[in-house]
């Protein structure tokens, strides 16, 4: 549960404001909360999982990398049969991309 509490001078805050909260991890969700009080509460009960291949695709789609490299990395991920093959793929990537891909692998396992 996330609770937003207004503190301080509330006279400058519009009474019909909306909060937009972006949760990003293995899934991206946007929740808009109309707020007519000083606090807003919500619970997110939907626990959908996205496949690792879909997450890698989304990352590579927006990465500033040559198309050939994106295509090769995605195909290697799709065709990897075990964690040893995934680690071999990561070993040959630059530090920043390797870190993002490792994060995706780790969160997909939990």
PDB file of N, CA and C in Angstrom:
ATOM      1  N   UNK A   1       0.849  -1.167   0.000  1.00  0.00           N
ATOM      2  CA  UNK A   1       0.000   0.000   0.000  1.00  0.00           C
ATOM      3  C   UNK A   1       0.899   1.236   0.000  1.00  0.00           C
ATOM      4  N   UNK A   2       0.525   2.205  -0.775  1.00  0.00           N
ATOM      5  CA  UNK A   2       1.215   3.488  -0.824  1.00  0.00           C
ATOM      6  C   UNK A   2       0.274   4.538  -0.279  1.00  0.00           C
ATOM      7  N   UNK A   3       0.769   5.380   0.604  1.00  0.00           N
ATOM      8  CA  UNK A   3      -0.053   6.457   1.147  1.00  0.00           C
ATOM      9  C   UNK A   3       0.664   7.773   0.915  1.00  0.00           C
ATOM     10  N   UNK A   4      -0.040   8.708   0.302  1.00  0.00           N
ATOM     11  CA  UNK A   4       0.494  10.048   0.073  1.00  0.00           C
ATOM     12  C   UNK A   4      -0.144  10.978   1.087  1.00  0.00           C
ATOM     13  N   UNK A   5       0.680  11.646   1.868  1.00  0.00           N
ATOM     14  CA  UNK A   5       0.174  12.534   2.905  1.00  0.00           C
ATOM     15  C   UNK A   5       0.656  13.949   2.627  1.00  0.00           C
ATOM     16  N   UNK A   6      -0.263  14.883   2.618  1.00  0.00           N
ATOM     17  CA  UNK A   6       0.062  16.290   2.395  1.00  0.00           C
ATOM     18  C   UNK A   6       0.505  16.906   3.713  1.00  0.00           C
ATOM     19  N   UNK A   7       1.648  17.584   3.672  1.00  0.00           N
ATOM     20  CA  UNK A   7       2.148  18.263   4.857  1.00  0.00           C
ATOM     21  C   UNK A   7       2.407  19.718   4.510  1.00  0.00           C
ATOM     22  N   UNK A   8       2.299  20.568   5.480  1.00  0.00           N
ATOM     23  CA  UNK A   8       2.577  21.983   5.257  1.00  0.00           C
ATOM     24  C   UNK A   8       1.350  22.732   4.789  1.00  0.00           C
ATOM     25  N   UNK A   9       1.589  23.861   4.130  1.00  0.00           N
ATOM     26  CA  UNK A   9       0.518  24.746   3.680  1.00  0.00           C
ATOM     27  C   UNK A   9      -0.257  24.104   2.532  1.00  0.00           C
ATOM     28  N   UNK A  10      -1.502  23.741   2.777  1.00  0.00           N
ATOM     29  CA  UNK A  10      -2.317  23.092   1.742  1.00  0.00           C
ATOM     30  C   UNK A  10      -3.141  24.090   0.935  1.00  0.00           C
ATOM     31  N   UNK A  11      -3.049  25.369   1.246  1.00  0.00           N
ATOM     32  CA  UNK A  11      -3.868  26.360   0.544  1.00  0.00           C
ATOM     33  C   UNK A  11      -3.432  26.549  -0.909  1.00  0.00           C
ATOM     34  N   UNK A  12      -2.201  26.200  -1.241  1.00  0.00           N
ATOM     35  CA  UNK A  12      -1.724  26.376  -2.618  1.00  0.00           C
ATOM     36  C   UNK A  12      -1.942  25.133  -3.482  1.00  0.00           C
ATOM     37  N   UNK A  13      -2.382  24.041  -2.874  1.00  0.00           N
ATOM     38  CA  UNK A  13      -2.571  22.783  -3.600  1.00  0.00           C
ATOM     39  C   UNK A  13      -4.007  22.698  -4.109  1.00  0.00           C
ATOM     40  N   UNK A  14      -4.212  22.440  -5.414  1.00  0.00           N
ATOM     41  CA  UNK A  14      -5.576  22.297  -5.939  1.00  0.00           C
ATOM     42  C   UNK A  14      -6.303  21.145  -5.245  1.00  0.00           C
ATOM     43  N   UNK A  15      -7.582  21.326  -4.978  1.00  0.00           N
ATOM     44  CA  UNK A  15      -8.327  20.292  -4.258  1.00  0.00           C
ATOM     45  C   UNK A  15      -8.648  19.086  -5.130  1.00  0.00           C
ATOM     46  N   UNK A  16      -8.683  19.236  -6.437  1.00  0.00           N
ATOM     47  CA  UNK A  16      -9.004  18.113  -7.327  1.00  0.00           C
ATOM     48  C   UNK A  16      -7.773  17.640  -8.098  1.00  0.00           C
ATOM     49  N   UNK A  17      -6.657  17.554  -7.425  1.00  0.00           N
ATOM     50  CA  UNK A  17      -5.423  17.138  -8.089  1.00  0.00           C
ATOM     51  C   UNK A  17      -5.425  15.629  -8.346  1.00  0.00           C
ATOM     52  N   UNK A  18      -4.551  15.211  -9.259  1.00  0.00           N
ATOM     53  CA  UNK A  18      -4.362  13.782  -9.528  1.00  0.00           C
ATOM     54  C   UNK A  18      -2.891  13.450  -9.342  1.00  0.00           C
ATOM     55  N   UNK A  19      -2.648  12.278  -8.817  1.00  0.00           N
ATOM     56  CA  UNK A  19      -1.284  11.781  -8.673  1.00  0.00           C
ATOM     57  C   UNK A  19      -1.097  10.686  -9.709  1.00  0.00           C
ATOM     58  N   UNK A  20      -0.001  10.713 -10.411  1.00  0.00           N
ATOM     59  CA  UNK A  20       0.326   9.644 -11.355  1.00  0.00           C
ATOM     60  C   UNK A  20       1.553   8.935 -10.809  1.00  0.00           C
ATOM     61  N   UNK A  21       1.409   7.655 -10.577  1.00  0.00           N
ATOM     62  CA  UNK A  21       2.484   6.867  -9.995  1.00  0.00           C
ATOM     63  C   UNK A  21       2.905   5.817 -11.015  1.00  0.00           C
ATOM     64  N   UNK A  22       4.183   5.777 -11.326  1.00  0.00           N
ATOM     65  CA  UNK A  22       4.729   4.792 -12.257  1.00  0.00           C
ATOM     66  C   UNK A  22       5.513   3.767 -11.447  1.00  0.00           C
ATOM     67  N   UNK A  23       5.080   2.522 -11.487  1.00  0.00           N
ATOM     68  CA  UNK A  23       5.833   1.434 -10.889  1.00  0.00           C
ATOM     69  C   UNK A  23       6.558   0.734 -12.018  1.00  0.00           C
ATOM     70  N   UNK A  24       7.862   0.630 -11.900  1.00  0.00           N
ATOM     71  CA  UNK A  24       8.613  -0.006 -12.965  1.00  0.00           C
ATOM     72  C   UNK A  24       9.540  -1.034 -12.357  1.00  0.00           C
ATOM     73  N   UNK A  25       9.505  -2.180 -12.918  1.00  0.00           N
ATOM     74  CA  UNK A  25      10.346  -3.292 -12.496  1.00  0.00           C
ATOM     75  C   UNK A  25      10.194  -4.319 -13.583  1.00  0.00           C
ATOM     76  N   UNK A  26       9.614  -5.436 -13.242  1.00  0.00           N
ATOM     77  CA  UNK A  26       9.338  -6.406 -14.297  1.00  0.00           C
ATOM     78  C   UNK A  26       8.076  -6.053 -15.048  1.00  0.00           C
ATOM     79  N   UNK A  27       7.260  -5.171 -14.523  1.00  0.00           N
ATOM     80  CA  UNK A  27       6.048  -4.692 -15.194  1.00  0.00           C
ATOM     81  C   UNK A  27       5.996  -3.181 -15.075  1.00  0.00           C
ATOM     82  N   UNK A  28       5.313  -2.552 -15.992  1.00  0.00           N
ATOM     83  CA  UNK A  28       5.099  -1.112 -15.908  1.00  0.00           C
ATOM     84  C   UNK A  28       3.608  -0.886 -15.724  1.00  0.00           C
ATOM     85  N   UNK A  29       3.240  -0.143 -14.705  1.00  0.00           N
ATOM     86  CA  UNK A  29       1.841   0.156 -14.443  1.00  0.00           C
ATOM     87  C   UNK A  29       1.708   1.640 -14.163  1.00  0.00           C
ATOM     88  N   UNK A  30       0.672   2.230 -14.694  1.00  0.00           N
ATOM     89  CA  UNK A  30       0.390   3.633 -14.418  1.00  0.00           C
ATOM     90  C   UNK A  30      -0.952   3.687 -13.708  1.00  0.00           C
ATOM     91  N   UNK A  31      -0.966   4.295 -12.558  1.00  0.00           N
ATOM     92  CA  UNK A  31      -2.189   4.401 -11.771  1.00  0.00           C
ATOM     93  C   UNK A  31      -2.429   5.875 -11.513  1.00  0.00           C
ATOM     94  N   UNK A  32      -3.598   6.374 -11.875  1.00  0.00           N
ATOM     95  CA  UNK A  32      -3.945   7.765 -11.583  1.00  0.00           C
ATOM     96  C   UNK A  32      -4.922   7.787 -10.423  1.00  0.00           C
ATOM     97  N   UNK A  33      -4.647   8.655  -9.485  1.00  0.00           N
ATOM     98  CA  UNK A  33      -5.466   8.744  -8.286  1.00  0.00           C
ATOM     99  C   UNK A  33      -6.060  10.135  -8.159  1.00  0.00           C
ATOM    100  N   UNK A  34      -7.365  10.285  -8.317  1.00  0.00           N
ATOM    101  CA  UNK A  34      -7.961  11.582  -8.012  1.00  0.00           C
ATOM    102  C   UNK A  34      -7.854  11.802  -6.504  1.00  0.00           C
ATOM    103  N   UNK A  35      -7.512  12.992  -6.103  1.00  0.00           N
ATOM    104  CA  UNK A  35      -7.293  13.237  -4.688  1.00  0.00           C
ATOM    105  C   UNK A  35      -8.089  14.453  -4.253  1.00  0.00           C
ATOM    106  N   UNK A  36      -9.141  14.212  -3.483  1.00  0.00           N
ATOM    107  CA  UNK A  36      -9.960  15.304  -2.957  1.00  0.00           C
ATOM    108  C   UNK A  36      -9.722  15.494  -1.465  1.00  0.00           C
ATOM    109  N   UNK A  37      -8.829  14.719  -0.903  1.00  0.00           N
ATOM    110  CA  UNK A  37      -8.499  14.803   0.518  1.00  0.00           C
ATOM    111  C   UNK A  37      -7.018  15.113   0.662  1.00  0.00           C
ATOM    112  N   UNK A  38      -6.535  14.959   1.881  1.00  0.00           N
ATOM    113  CA  UNK A  38      -5.106  15.131   2.124  1.00  0.00           C
ATOM    114  C   UNK A  38      -4.334  13.836   1.903  1.00  0.00           C
ATOM    115  N   UNK A  39      -5.022  12.701   1.841  1.00  0.00           N
ATOM    116  CA  UNK A  39      -4.333  11.425   1.659  1.00  0.00           C
ATOM    117  C   UNK A  39      -5.011  10.625   0.563  1.00  0.00           C
ATOM    118  N   UNK A  40      -4.265   9.729  -0.008  1.00  0.00           N
ATOM    119  CA  UNK A  40      -4.801   8.813  -1.018  1.00  0.00           C
ATOM    120  C   UNK A  40      -4.222   7.437  -0.742  1.00  0.00           C
ATOM    121  N   UNK A  41      -5.053   6.424  -0.795  1.00  0.00           N
ATOM    122  CA  UNK A  41      -4.595   5.058  -0.566  1.00  0.00           C
ATOM    123  C   UNK A  41      -5.062   4.188  -1.719  1.00  0.00           C
ATOM    124  N   UNK A  42      -4.249   3.215  -2.074  1.00  0.00           N
ATOM    125  CA  UNK A  42      -4.663   2.222  -3.053  1.00  0.00           C
ATOM    126  C   UNK A  42      -3.877   0.948  -2.802  1.00  0.00           C
ATOM    127  N   UNK A  43      -4.413  -0.146  -3.289  1.00  0.00           N
ATOM    128  CA  UNK A  43      -3.718  -1.420  -3.238  1.00  0.00           C
ATOM    129  C   UNK A  43      -3.716  -1.997  -4.635  1.00  0.00           C
ATOM    130  N   UNK A  44      -2.629  -2.608  -5.006  1.00  0.00           N
ATOM    131  CA  UNK A  44      -2.517  -3.210  -6.325  1.00  0.00           C
ATOM    132  C   UNK A  44      -2.460  -4.708  -6.139  1.00  0.00           C
ATOM    133  N   UNK A  45      -3.516  -5.402  -6.519  1.00  0.00           N
ATOM    134  CA  UNK A  45      -3.609  -6.830  -6.264  1.00  0.00           C
ATOM    135  C   UNK A  45      -3.265  -7.682  -7.479  1.00  0.00           C
ATOM    136  N   UNK A  46      -3.197  -7.075  -8.640  1.00  0.00           N
ATOM    137  CA  UNK A  46      -2.900  -7.827  -9.851  1.00  0.00           C
ATOM    138  C   UNK A  46      -1.400  -8.071  -9.918  1.00  0.00           C
ATOM    139  N   UNK A  47      -0.995  -9.312  -9.945  1.00  0.00           N
ATOM    140  CA  UNK A  47       0.425  -9.638  -9.918  1.00  0.00           C
ATOM    141  C   UNK A  47       0.815 -10.382 -11.195  1.00  0.00           C
ATOM    142  N   UNK A  48       0.688  -9.708 -12.328  1.00  0.00           N
ATOM    143  CA  UNK A  48       1.029 -10.329 -13.602  1.00  0.00           C
ATOM    144  C   UNK A  48       2.538 -10.386 -13.769  1.00  0.00           C
ATOM    145  N   UNK A  49       3.010 -11.416 -14.426  1.00  0.00           N
ATOM    146  CA  UNK A  49       4.431 -11.543 -14.733  1.00  0.00           C
ATOM    147  C   UNK A  49       4.623 -11.425 -16.235  1.00  0.00           C
ATOM    148  N   UNK A  50       5.677 -10.770 -16.621  1.00  0.00           N
ATOM    149  CA  UNK A  50       6.020 -10.620 -18.022  1.00  0.00           C
ATOM    150  C   UNK A  50       7.215 -11.518 -18.298  1.00  0.00           C
ATOM    151  N   UNK A  51       7.253 -12.131 -19.465  1.00  0.00           N
ATOM    152  CA  UNK A  51       8.360 -13.035 -19.767  1.00  0.00           C
ATOM    153  C   UNK A  51       9.671 -12.261 -19.889  1.00  0.00           C
ATOM    154  N   UNK A  52      10.755 -12.940 -19.586  1.00  0.00           N
ATOM    155  CA  UNK A  52      12.080 -12.335 -19.682  1.00  0.00           C
ATOM    156  C   UNK A  52      12.353 -11.873 -21.109  1.00  0.00           C
ATOM    157  N   UNK A  53      11.963 -12.667 -22.090  1.00  0.00           N
ATOM    158  CA  UNK A  53      12.192 -12.283 -23.487  1.00  0.00           C
ATOM    159  C   UNK A  53      11.455 -10.997 -23.837  1.00  0.00           C
ATOM    160  N   UNK A  54      10.232 -10.829 -23.335  1.00  0.00           N
ATOM    161  CA  UNK A  54       9.478  -9.593 -23.584  1.00  0.00           C
ATOM    162  C   UNK A  54      10.165  -8.391 -22.946  1.00  0.00           C
ATOM    163  N   UNK A  55      10.693  -8.577 -21.743  1.00  0.00           N
ATOM    164  CA  UNK A  55      11.388  -7.488 -21.057  1.00  0.00           C
ATOM    165  C   UNK A  55      12.673  -7.105 -21.793  1.00  0.00           C
ATOM    166  N   UNK A  56      13.411  -8.105 -22.256  1.00  0.00           N
ATOM    167  CA  UNK A  56      14.638  -7.828 -23.012  1.00  0.00           C
ATOM    168  C   UNK A  56      14.287  -7.091 -24.300  1.00  0.00           C
ATOM    169  N   UNK A  57      13.218  -7.516 -24.966  1.00  0.00           N
ATOM    170  CA  UNK A  57      12.783  -6.836 -26.192  1.00  0.00           C
ATOM    171  C   UNK A  57      12.483  -5.364 -25.914  1.00  0.00           C
ATOM    172  N   UNK A  58      11.732  -5.088 -24.841  1.00  0.00           N
ATOM    173  CA  UNK A  58      11.390  -3.698 -24.506  1.00  0.00           C
ATOM    174  C   UNK A  58      12.636  -2.866 -24.211  1.00  0.00           C
ATOM    175  N   UNK A  59      13.578  -3.456 -23.500  1.00  0.00           N
ATOM    176  CA  UNK A  59      14.824  -2.743 -23.198  1.00  0.00           C
ATOM    177  C   UNK A  59      15.592  -2.432 -24.479  1.00  0.00           C
ATOM    178  N   UNK A  60      15.767  -3.434 -25.320  1.00  0.00           N
ATOM    179  CA  UNK A  60      16.552  -3.253 -26.539  1.00  0.00           C
ATOM    180  C   UNK A  60      15.863  -2.315 -27.521  1.00  0.00           C
ATOM    181  N   UNK A  61      14.541  -2.318 -27.513  1.00  0.00           N
ATOM    182  CA  UNK A  61      13.789  -1.456 -28.427  1.00  0.00           C
ATOM    183  C   UNK A  61      14.140   0.016 -28.210  1.00  0.00           C
ATOM    184  N   UNK A  62      14.354   0.405 -26.960  1.00  0.00           N
ATOM    185  CA  UNK A  62      14.619   1.812 -26.648  1.00  0.00           C
ATOM    186  C   UNK A  62      16.107   2.118 -26.454  1.00  0.00           C
ATOM    187  N   UNK A  63      16.948   1.088 -26.489  1.00  0.00           N
ATOM    188  CA  UNK A  63      18.385   1.298 -26.272  1.00  0.00           C
ATOM    189  C   UNK A  63      19.030   1.976 -27.476  1.00  0.00           C
ATOM    190  N   UNK A  64      20.037   2.779 -27.207  1.00  0.00           N
ATOM    191  CA  UNK A  64      20.786   3.449 -28.280  1.00  0.00           C
ATOM    192  C   UNK A  64      21.912   2.528 -28.747  1.00  0.00           C
ATOM    193  N   UNK A  65      21.512   1.482 -29.439  1.00  0.00           N
ATOM    194  CA  UNK A  65      22.457   0.490 -29.941  1.00  0.00           C
ATOM    195  C   UNK A  65      22.179   0.237 -31.411  1.00  0.00           C
ATOM    196  N   UNK A  66      23.185  -0.225 -32.160  1.00  0.00           N
ATOM    197  CA  UNK A  66      22.934  -0.576 -33.559  1.00  0.00           C
ATOM    198  C   UNK A  66      21.889  -1.690 -33.661  1.00  0.00           C
ATOM    199  N   UNK A  67      21.073  -1.620 -34.692  1.00  0.00           N
ATOM    200  CA  UNK A  67      19.996  -2.593 -34.877  1.00  0.00           C
ATOM    201  C   UNK A  67      20.530  -4.026 -34.894  1.00  0.00           C
ATOM    202  N   UNK A  68      21.661  -4.239 -35.557  1.00  0.00           N
ATOM    203  CA  UNK A  68      22.222  -5.596 -35.661  1.00  0.00           C
ATOM    204  C   UNK A  68      22.552  -6.163 -34.281  1.00  0.00           C
ATOM    205  N   UNK A  69      23.085  -5.313 -33.396  1.00  0.00           N
ATOM    206  CA  UNK A  69      23.413  -5.758 -32.042  1.00  0.00           C
ATOM    207  C   UNK A  69      22.143  -6.081 -31.264  1.00  0.00           C
ATOM    208  N   UNK A  70      21.135  -5.223 -31.360  1.00  0.00           N
ATOM    209  CA  UNK A  70      19.859  -5.482 -30.684  1.00  0.00           C
ATOM    210  C   UNK A  70      19.285  -6.817 -31.135  1.00  0.00           C
ATOM    211  N   UNK A  71      19.274  -7.037 -32.444  1.00  0.00           N
ATOM    212  CA  UNK A  71      18.713  -8.263 -33.011  1.00  0.00           C
ATOM    213  C   UNK A  71      19.492  -9.488 -32.534  1.00  0.00           C
ATOM    214  N   UNK A  72      20.820  -9.389 -32.541  1.00  0.00           N
ATOM    215  CA  UNK A  72      21.652 -10.521 -32.121  1.00  0.00           C
ATOM    216  C   UNK A  72      21.431 -10.848 -30.643  1.00  0.00           C
ATOM    217  N   UNK A  73      21.427  -9.821 -29.780  1.00  0.00           N
ATOM    218  CA  UNK A  73      21.246 -10.050 -28.340  1.00  0.00           C
ATOM    219  C   UNK A  73      19.871 -10.650 -28.061  1.00  0.00           C
ATOM    220  N   UNK A  74      18.830 -10.109 -28.690  1.00  0.00           N
ATOM    221  CA  UNK A  74      17.487 -10.648 -28.470  1.00  0.00           C
ATOM    222  C   UNK A  74      17.408 -12.105 -28.907  1.00  0.00           C
ATOM    223  N   UNK A  75      17.939 -12.426 -30.072  1.00  0.00           N
ATOM    224  CA  UNK A  75      17.907 -13.816 -30.546  1.00  0.00           C
ATOM    225  C   UNK A  75      18.691 -14.739 -29.630  1.00  0.00           C
ATOM    226  N   UNK A  76      19.816 -14.266 -29.099  1.00  0.00           N
ATOM    227  CA  UNK A  76      20.585 -15.080 -28.160  1.00  0.00           C
ATOM    228  C   UNK A  76      19.783 -15.347 -26.888  1.00  0.00           C
ATOM    229  N   UNK A  77      19.084 -14.333 -26.381  1.00  0.00           N
ATOM    230  CA  UNK A  77      18.260 -14.525 -25.186  1.00  0.00           C
ATOM    231  C   UNK A  77      17.134 -15.515 -25.451  1.00  0.00           C
ATOM    232  N   UNK A  78      16.472 -15.355 -26.577  1.00  0.00           N
ATOM    233  CA  UNK A  78      15.352 -16.242 -26.907  1.00  0.00           C
ATOM    234  C   UNK A  78      15.820 -17.686 -27.017  1.00  0.00           C
ATOM    235  N   UNK A  79      17.005 -17.893 -27.578  1.00  0.00           N
ATOM    236  CA  UNK A  79      17.498 -19.248 -27.831  1.00  0.00           C
ATOM    237  C   UNK A  79      18.337 -19.826 -26.699  1.00  0.00           C
ATOM    238  N   UNK A  80      18.607 -19.049 -25.654  1.00  0.00           N
ATOM    239  CA  UNK A  80      19.407 -19.556 -24.535  1.00  0.00           C
ATOM    240  C   UNK A  80      18.667 -20.697 -23.853  1.00  0.00           C
ATOM    241  N   UNK A  81      19.379 -21.783 -23.608  1.00  0.00           N
ATOM    242  CA  UNK A  81      18.754 -22.974 -23.025  1.00  0.00           C
ATOM    243  C   UNK A  81      18.914 -23.049 -21.507  1.00  0.00           C
ATOM    244  N   UNK A  82      19.889 -22.320 -20.968  1.00  0.00           N
ATOM    245  CA  UNK A  82      20.122 -22.397 -19.524  1.00  0.00           C
ATOM    246  C   UNK A  82      20.859 -21.146 -19.042  1.00  0.00           C
ATOM    247  N   UNK A  83      21.097 -21.097 -17.747  1.00  0.00           N
ATOM    248  CA  UNK A  83      21.730 -19.912 -17.157  1.00  0.00           C
ATOM    249  C   UNK A  83      23.174 -19.736 -17.628  1.00  0.00           C
ATOM    250  N   UNK A  84      23.860 -20.831 -17.956  1.00  0.00           N
ATOM    251  CA  UNK A  84      25.234 -20.717 -18.454  1.00  0.00           C
ATOM    252  C   UNK A  84      25.266 -19.969 -19.781  1.00  0.00           C
ATOM    253  N   UNK A  85      24.320 -20.262 -20.646  1.00  0.00           N
ATOM    254  CA  UNK A  85      24.253 -19.563 -21.930  1.00  0.00           C
ATOM    255  C   UNK A  85      23.900 -18.089 -21.731  1.00  0.00           C
ATOM    256  N   UNK A  86      22.992 -17.798 -20.785  1.00  0.00           N
ATOM    257  CA  UNK A  86      22.658 -16.399 -20.492  1.00  0.00           C
ATOM    258  C   UNK A  86      23.880 -15.642 -19.984  1.00  0.00           C
ATOM    259  N   UNK A  87      24.655 -16.263 -19.097  1.00  0.00           N
ATOM    260  CA  UNK A  87      25.850 -15.604 -18.567  1.00  0.00           C
ATOM    261  C   UNK A  87      26.880 -15.372 -19.670  1.00  0.00           C
ATOM    262  N   UNK A  88      26.985 -16.295 -20.606  1.00  0.00           N
ATOM    263  CA  UNK A  88      27.905 -16.118 -21.728  1.00  0.00           C
ATOM    264  C   UNK A  88      27.482 -14.930 -22.594  1.00  0.00           C
ATOM    265  N   UNK A  89      26.182 -14.772 -22.795  1.00  0.00           N
ATOM    266  CA  UNK A  89      25.665 -13.627 -23.556  1.00  0.00           C
ATOM    267  C   UNK A  89      26.042 -12.331 -22.837  1.00  0.00           C
ATOM    268  N   UNK A  90      25.823 -12.300 -21.526  1.00  0.00           N
ATOM    269  CA  UNK A  90      26.098 -11.094 -20.740  1.00  0.00           C
ATOM    270  C   UNK A  90      27.579 -10.740 -20.728  1.00  0.00           C
ATOM    271  N   UNK A  91      28.411 -11.747 -20.702  1.00  0.00           N
ATOM    272  CA  UNK A  91      29.862 -11.536 -20.632  1.00  0.00           C
ATOM    273  C   UNK A  91      30.367 -10.673 -21.784  1.00  0.00           C
ATOM    274  N   UNK A  92      29.714 -10.737 -22.918  1.00  0.00           N
ATOM    275  CA  UNK A  92      30.179 -10.033 -24.115  1.00  0.00           C
ATOM    276  C   UNK A  92      29.509  -8.676 -24.328  1.00  0.00           C
ATOM    277  N   UNK A  93      28.737  -8.196 -23.352  1.00  0.00           N
ATOM    278  CA  UNK A  93      28.052  -6.902 -23.493  1.00  0.00           C
ATOM    279  C   UNK A  93      28.797  -5.825 -22.714  1.00  0.00           C
ATOM    280  N   UNK A  94      28.540  -4.557 -23.078  1.00  0.00           N
ATOM    281  CA  UNK A  94      29.166  -3.475 -22.313  1.00  0.00           C
ATOM    282  C   UNK A  94      28.562  -3.426 -20.914  1.00  0.00           C
ATOM    283  N   UNK A  95      29.249  -2.733 -20.022  1.00  0.00           N
ATOM    284  CA  UNK A  95      28.904  -2.747 -18.591  1.00  0.00           C
ATOM    285  C   UNK A  95      27.466  -2.312 -18.319  1.00  0.00           C
ATOM    286  N   UNK A  96      27.021  -1.230 -18.947  1.00  0.00           N
ATOM    287  CA  UNK A  96      25.674  -0.710 -18.676  1.00  0.00           C
ATOM    288  C   UNK A  96      24.590  -1.681 -19.147  1.00  0.00           C
ATOM    289  N   UNK A  97      24.727  -2.191 -20.366  1.00  0.00           N
ATOM    290  CA  UNK A  97      23.743  -3.144 -20.884  1.00  0.00           C
ATOM    291  C   UNK A  97      23.768  -4.425 -20.067  1.00  0.00           C
ATOM    292  N   UNK A  98      24.952  -4.894 -19.710  1.00  0.00           N
ATOM    293  CA  UNK A  98      25.074  -6.106 -18.898  1.00  0.00           C
ATOM    294  C   UNK A  98      24.349  -5.929 -17.558  1.00  0.00           C
ATOM    295  N   UNK A  99      24.514  -4.756 -16.944  1.00  0.00           N
ATOM    296  CA  UNK A  99      23.845  -4.497 -15.664  1.00  0.00           C
ATOM    297  C   UNK A  99      22.333  -4.533 -15.780  1.00  0.00           C
ATOM    298  N   UNK A 100      21.788  -3.911 -16.824  1.00  0.00           N
ATOM    299  CA  UNK A 100      20.326  -3.907 -17.017  1.00  0.00           C
ATOM    300  C   UNK A 100      19.813  -5.318 -17.294  1.00  0.00           C
ATOM    301  N   UNK A 101      20.543  -6.073 -18.113  1.00  0.00           N
ATOM    302  CA  UNK A 101      20.120  -7.437 -18.428  1.00  0.00           C
ATOM    303  C   UNK A 101      20.210  -8.332 -17.195  1.00  0.00           C
ATOM    304  N   UNK A 102      21.258  -8.159 -16.392  1.00  0.00           N
ATOM    305  CA  UNK A 102      21.370  -8.929 -15.148  1.00  0.00           C
ATOM    306  C   UNK A 102      20.211  -8.633 -14.207  1.00  0.00           C
ATOM    307  N   UNK A 103      19.836  -7.365 -14.115  1.00  0.00           N
ATOM    308  CA  UNK A 103      18.697  -6.983 -13.272  1.00  0.00           C
ATOM    309  C   UNK A 103      17.426  -7.684 -13.744  1.00  0.00           C
ATOM    310  N   UNK A 104      17.223  -7.734 -15.054  1.00  0.00           N
ATOM    311  CA  UNK A 104      16.030  -8.397 -15.591  1.00  0.00           C
ATOM    312  C   UNK A 104      16.038  -9.889 -15.292  1.00  0.00           C
ATOM    313  N   UNK A 105      17.187 -10.518 -15.452  1.00  0.00           N
ATOM    314  CA  UNK A 105      17.284 -11.954 -15.166  1.00  0.00           C
ATOM    315  C   UNK A 105      17.001 -12.201 -13.693  1.00  0.00           C
ATOM    316  N   UNK A 106      17.605 -11.400 -12.824  1.00  0.00           N
ATOM    317  CA  UNK A 106      17.421 -11.578 -11.386  1.00  0.00           C
ATOM    318  C   UNK A 106      15.956 -11.402 -10.984  1.00  0.00           C
ATOM    319  N   UNK A 107      15.311 -10.328 -11.469  1.00  0.00           N
ATOM    320  CA  UNK A 107      13.922 -10.090 -11.075  1.00  0.00           C
ATOM    321  C   UNK A 107      12.977 -11.106 -11.681  1.00  0.00           C
ATOM    322  N   UNK A 108      13.334 -11.690 -12.821  1.00  0.00           N
ATOM    323  CA  UNK A 108      12.456 -12.702 -13.418  1.00  0.00           C
ATOM    324  C   UNK A 108      12.528 -14.013 -12.644  1.00  0.00           C
ATOM    325  N   UNK A 109      13.601 -14.221 -11.891  1.00  0.00           N
ATOM    326  CA  UNK A 109      13.767 -15.446 -11.112  1.00  0.00           C
ATOM    327  C   UNK A 109      13.094 -15.355  -9.748  1.00  0.00           C
ATOM    328  N   UNK A 110      12.732 -14.150  -9.326  1.00  0.00           N
ATOM    329  CA  UNK A 110      12.137 -13.961  -7.987  1.00  0.00           C
ATOM    330  C   UNK A 110      10.656 -13.762  -8.065  1.00  0.00           C
TER     331      UNK A 110
END
